């Protein structure tokens, strides 16, 4: 995952994801929020590592 920091693009193995994104992504009544949340978290699905 990459992020911008002062115009500089960096690669990082970690990122912060607000839990509301996951809530909205699964809430069928959330409408547009659900659509946007699903788009935002879709790249994360490939990189998520479960906590053990």
N, C-alpha and C. Protein backbone atom coordinates (compact mmCIF):
# COMPACT_ATOMS: atom_id res chain seq x y z
N UNK A 1 0.85 -1.16 0.00
CA UNK A 1 0.00 0.00 0.00
C UNK A 1 0.89 1.23 0.00
N UNK A 2 0.52 2.21 -0.72
CA UNK A 2 1.31 3.43 -0.76
C UNK A 2 0.50 4.60 -0.24
N UNK A 3 1.19 5.65 0.15
CA UNK A 3 0.51 6.85 0.62
C UNK A 3 1.37 8.05 0.30
N UNK A 4 0.74 9.21 0.32
CA UNK A 4 1.46 10.44 0.02
C UNK A 4 1.87 11.11 1.32
N UNK A 5 3.09 11.60 1.36
CA UNK A 5 3.59 12.30 2.53
C UNK A 5 4.38 13.50 2.02
N UNK A 6 3.77 14.67 2.04
CA UNK A 6 4.46 15.86 1.57
C UNK A 6 4.83 15.78 0.10
N UNK A 7 3.97 15.15 -0.71
CA UNK A 7 4.25 15.03 -2.12
C UNK A 7 5.13 13.85 -2.48
N UNK A 8 5.60 13.12 -1.48
CA UNK A 8 6.48 11.98 -1.72
C UNK A 8 5.67 10.70 -1.56
N UNK A 9 5.79 9.80 -2.51
CA UNK A 9 5.06 8.54 -2.43
C UNK A 9 5.94 7.50 -1.76
N UNK A 10 5.41 6.84 -0.75
CA UNK A 10 6.16 5.82 -0.02
C UNK A 10 5.38 4.52 0.03
N UNK A 11 6.09 3.44 0.11
CA UNK A 11 5.47 2.13 0.29
C UNK A 11 5.53 1.77 1.76
N UNK A 12 4.46 1.18 2.24
CA UNK A 12 4.39 0.81 3.64
C UNK A 12 3.62 -0.50 3.77
N UNK A 13 3.98 -1.30 4.73
CA UNK A 13 3.27 -2.54 4.99
C UNK A 13 2.08 -2.34 5.91
N UNK A 14 1.91 -1.14 6.43
CA UNK A 14 0.84 -0.88 7.39
C UNK A 14 0.04 0.34 6.97
N UNK A 15 -1.23 0.34 7.35
CA UNK A 15 -2.06 1.52 7.13
C UNK A 15 -3.18 1.51 8.15
N UNK A 16 -3.75 2.67 8.38
CA UNK A 16 -4.89 2.80 9.28
C UNK A 16 -6.16 2.78 8.45
N UNK A 17 -7.11 1.97 8.85
CA UNK A 17 -8.41 1.92 8.18
C UNK A 17 -9.47 2.10 9.25
N UNK A 18 -10.26 3.16 9.10
CA UNK A 18 -11.34 3.43 10.04
C UNK A 18 -12.35 2.29 9.96
N UNK A 19 -12.76 1.78 11.09
CA UNK A 19 -13.69 0.65 11.11
C UNK A 19 -15.03 0.98 10.47
N UNK A 20 -15.38 2.27 10.39
CA UNK A 20 -16.63 2.64 9.73
C UNK A 20 -16.65 2.20 8.28
N UNK A 21 -15.49 2.14 7.64
CA UNK A 21 -15.45 1.65 6.26
C UNK A 21 -15.97 0.22 6.16
N UNK A 22 -15.57 -0.61 7.10
CA UNK A 22 -16.03 -2.00 7.09
C UNK A 22 -17.51 -2.09 7.42
N UNK A 23 -17.96 -1.26 8.35
CA UNK A 23 -19.39 -1.24 8.71
C UNK A 23 -20.22 -0.85 7.50
N UNK A 24 -19.86 0.25 6.85
CA UNK A 24 -20.61 0.71 5.69
C UNK A 24 -20.53 -0.29 4.53
N UNK A 25 -19.39 -0.93 4.36
CA UNK A 25 -19.23 -1.89 3.27
C UNK A 25 -20.17 -3.08 3.39
N UNK A 26 -20.57 -3.42 4.61
CA UNK A 26 -21.45 -4.56 4.83
C UNK A 26 -22.89 -4.18 5.08
N UNK A 27 -23.17 -2.90 5.25
CA UNK A 27 -24.53 -2.43 5.53
C UNK A 27 -25.29 -2.23 4.22
N UNK A 28 -26.22 -3.10 3.96
CA UNK A 28 -26.98 -3.04 2.70
C UNK A 28 -27.89 -1.83 2.63
N UNK A 29 -28.13 -1.15 3.73
CA UNK A 29 -28.98 0.04 3.73
C UNK A 29 -28.18 1.33 3.65
N UNK A 30 -26.86 1.24 3.50
CA UNK A 30 -26.00 2.42 3.52
C UNK A 30 -25.95 3.17 2.19
N UNK A 31 -26.51 2.61 1.14
CA UNK A 31 -26.56 3.30 -0.15
C UNK A 31 -25.20 3.67 -0.72
N UNK A 32 -25.03 4.96 -1.00
CA UNK A 32 -23.78 5.44 -1.61
C UNK A 32 -22.57 5.20 -0.71
N UNK A 33 -22.77 5.31 0.61
CA UNK A 33 -21.66 5.06 1.55
C UNK A 33 -21.14 3.63 1.37
N UNK A 34 -22.05 2.69 1.14
CA UNK A 34 -21.65 1.30 0.94
C UNK A 34 -20.81 1.16 -0.32
N UNK A 35 -21.26 1.79 -1.40
CA UNK A 35 -20.53 1.72 -2.66
C UNK A 35 -19.11 2.27 -2.50
N UNK A 36 -18.99 3.43 -1.89
CA UNK A 36 -17.68 4.07 -1.72
C UNK A 36 -16.80 3.24 -0.80
N UNK A 37 -17.35 2.76 0.30
CA UNK A 37 -16.58 1.95 1.24
C UNK A 37 -16.04 0.69 0.58
N UNK A 38 -16.86 0.05 -0.23
CA UNK A 38 -16.42 -1.18 -0.91
C UNK A 38 -15.30 -0.89 -1.91
N UNK A 39 -15.37 0.25 -2.57
CA UNK A 39 -14.31 0.63 -3.50
C UNK A 39 -13.02 0.90 -2.74
N UNK A 40 -13.12 1.60 -1.61
CA UNK A 40 -11.93 1.96 -0.84
C UNK A 40 -11.23 0.76 -0.21
N UNK A 41 -12.01 -0.21 0.25
CA UNK A 41 -11.37 -1.35 0.92
C UNK A 41 -11.02 -2.49 -0.04
N UNK A 42 -11.48 -2.43 -1.28
CA UNK A 42 -11.20 -3.54 -2.20
C UNK A 42 -9.71 -3.82 -2.38
N UNK A 43 -8.83 -2.80 -2.48
CA UNK A 43 -7.39 -3.12 -2.61
C UNK A 43 -6.82 -3.76 -1.34
N UNK A 44 -7.46 -3.52 -0.21
CA UNK A 44 -6.95 -4.05 1.05
C UNK A 44 -7.20 -5.55 1.17
N UNK A 45 -8.22 -6.04 0.50
CA UNK A 45 -8.55 -7.47 0.61
C UNK A 45 -7.39 -8.35 0.19
N UNK A 46 -6.61 -7.88 -0.75
CA UNK A 46 -5.48 -8.68 -1.24
C UNK A 46 -4.31 -8.65 -0.27
N UNK A 47 -4.23 -7.62 0.58
CA UNK A 47 -3.06 -7.45 1.44
C UNK A 47 -3.33 -7.70 2.91
N UNK A 48 -4.58 -7.93 3.29
CA UNK A 48 -4.89 -8.13 4.71
C UNK A 48 -4.27 -9.41 5.24
N UNK A 49 -3.68 -9.31 6.41
CA UNK A 49 -3.11 -10.46 7.08
C UNK A 49 -3.83 -10.59 8.41
N UNK A 50 -4.45 -11.72 8.68
CA UNK A 50 -5.19 -11.87 9.94
C UNK A 50 -4.25 -11.85 11.14
N UNK A 51 -4.74 -11.25 12.21
CA UNK A 51 -3.98 -11.25 13.46
C UNK A 51 -4.03 -12.63 14.06
N UNK A 52 -2.91 -13.07 14.63
CA UNK A 52 -2.89 -14.39 15.27
C UNK A 52 -2.51 -14.27 16.71
